[in-house]
């Protein structure tokens, strides 16, 4: 089963999802949700910057 085939270009989602599951196993769900939010914010900021073709805005929102 090829997971990357189904996710396409969204393979970066595997990392925060894996971190979430790993930290959830240690009952640190608040920290894991924070990390998921952090990764989501980075991805969203980079995506917005690429969509409007403003690399500086992408860097600011991505950081």
C-alpha atoms as a PDB file:
ATOM      1  CA  UNK A   1       0.000   0.000   0.000  1.00  0.00           C
ATOM      2  CA  UNK A   2       1.585   3.237  -1.149  1.00  0.00           C
ATOM      3  CA  UNK A   3       0.448   6.037   1.150  1.00  0.00           C
ATOM      4  CA  UNK A   4       2.250   8.722  -0.836  1.00  0.00           C
ATOM      5  CA  UNK A   5       0.291   7.735  -3.939  1.00  0.00           C
ATOM      6  CA  UNK A   6      -2.976   8.631  -2.232  1.00  0.00           C
ATOM      7  CA  UNK A   7      -1.754  11.842  -0.597  1.00  0.00           C
ATOM      8  CA  UNK A   8      -0.131  13.189  -3.766  1.00  0.00           C
ATOM      9  CA  UNK A   9       1.731  16.430  -3.062  1.00  0.00           C
ATOM     10  CA  UNK A  10       0.480  16.540   0.514  1.00  0.00           C
ATOM     11  CA  UNK A  11       3.109  14.134   1.803  1.00  0.00           C
ATOM     12  CA  UNK A  12       4.178  16.719   4.391  1.00  0.00           C
ATOM     13  CA  UNK A  13       0.984  15.843   6.295  1.00  0.00           C
ATOM     14  CA  UNK A  14       2.481  12.494   7.266  1.00  0.00           C
ATOM     15  CA  UNK A  15       5.044  14.097   9.602  1.00  0.00           C
ATOM     16  CA  UNK A  16       2.672  16.086  11.857  1.00  0.00           C
ATOM     17  CA  UNK A  17       0.130  13.249  11.838  1.00  0.00           C
ATOM     18  CA  UNK A  18       2.838  10.825  12.959  1.00  0.00           C
ATOM     19  CA  UNK A  19       3.972  13.243  15.656  1.00  0.00           C
ATOM     20  CA  UNK A  20       0.393  13.588  16.820  1.00  0.00           C
ATOM     21  CA  UNK A  21      -0.104   9.841  17.106  1.00  0.00           C
ATOM     22  CA  UNK A  22       3.251   9.369  18.806  1.00  0.00           C
ATOM     23  CA  UNK A  23       2.704  12.087  21.381  1.00  0.00           C
ATOM     24  CA  UNK A  24      -0.888  11.044  21.918  1.00  0.00           C
ATOM     25  CA  UNK A  25       0.412   7.647  22.974  1.00  0.00           C
ATOM     26  CA  UNK A  26       2.333   9.381  25.749  1.00  0.00           C
ATOM     27  CA  UNK A  27      -0.799  11.277  26.796  1.00  0.00           C
ATOM     28  CA  UNK A  28       0.664  14.622  25.851  1.00  0.00           C
ATOM     29  CA  UNK A  29      -2.279  15.515  23.682  1.00  0.00           C
ATOM     30  CA  UNK A  30      -2.095  19.249  24.413  1.00  0.00           C
ATOM     31  CA  UNK A  31       1.486  19.426  23.224  1.00  0.00           C
ATOM     32  CA  UNK A  32       0.734  17.248  20.214  1.00  0.00           C
ATOM     33  CA  UNK A  33      -2.183  19.494  19.216  1.00  0.00           C
ATOM     34  CA  UNK A  34       0.121  22.505  19.515  1.00  0.00           C
ATOM     35  CA  UNK A  35       2.664  20.837  17.237  1.00  0.00           C
ATOM     36  CA  UNK A  36      -0.048  19.956  14.713  1.00  0.00           C
ATOM     37  CA  UNK A  37      -1.222  23.585  14.765  1.00  0.00           C
ATOM     38  CA  UNK A  38       2.342  24.766  14.293  1.00  0.00           C
ATOM     39  CA  UNK A  39       2.896  22.526  11.272  1.00  0.00           C
ATOM     40  CA  UNK A  40      -0.487  23.530   9.848  1.00  0.00           C
ATOM     41  CA  UNK A  41       0.403  27.216  10.244  1.00  0.00           C
ATOM     42  CA  UNK A  42       3.736  26.698   8.498  1.00  0.00           C
ATOM     43  CA  UNK A  43       2.114  24.857   5.619  1.00  0.00           C
ATOM     44  CA  UNK A  44      -0.724  27.358   5.291  1.00  0.00           C
ATOM     45  CA  UNK A  45       1.647  30.328   5.329  1.00  0.00           C
ATOM     46  CA  UNK A  46       3.867  28.780   2.682  1.00  0.00           C
ATOM     47  CA  UNK A  47       0.866  27.890   0.528  1.00  0.00           C
ATOM     48  CA  UNK A  48      -0.605  31.417   0.717  1.00  0.00           C
ATOM     49  CA  UNK A  49       2.764  32.916  -0.165  1.00  0.00           C
ATOM     50  CA  UNK A  50       3.066  30.672  -3.213  1.00  0.00           C
ATOM     51  CA  UNK A  51      -0.503  31.341  -4.352  1.00  0.00           C
ATOM     52  CA  UNK A  52      -0.072  35.117  -4.392  1.00  0.00           C
ATOM     53  CA  UNK A  53       3.496  34.776  -5.713  1.00  0.00           C
ATOM     54  CA  UNK A  54       4.969  36.770  -2.865  1.00  0.00           C
ATOM     55  CA  UNK A  55       7.926  34.853  -1.516  1.00  0.00           C
ATOM     56  CA  UNK A  56       8.531  37.318   1.314  1.00  0.00           C
ATOM     57  CA  UNK A  57       4.973  36.969   2.568  1.00  0.00           C
ATOM     58  CA  UNK A  58       5.310  33.203   2.295  1.00  0.00           C
ATOM     59  CA  UNK A  59       8.426  33.327   4.452  1.00  0.00           C
ATOM     60  CA  UNK A  60       6.783  35.590   7.039  1.00  0.00           C
ATOM     61  CA  UNK A  61       3.609  33.521   7.278  1.00  0.00           C
ATOM     62  CA  UNK A  62       5.581  30.293   7.131  1.00  0.00           C
ATOM     63  CA  UNK A  63       7.691  31.306  10.091  1.00  0.00           C
END
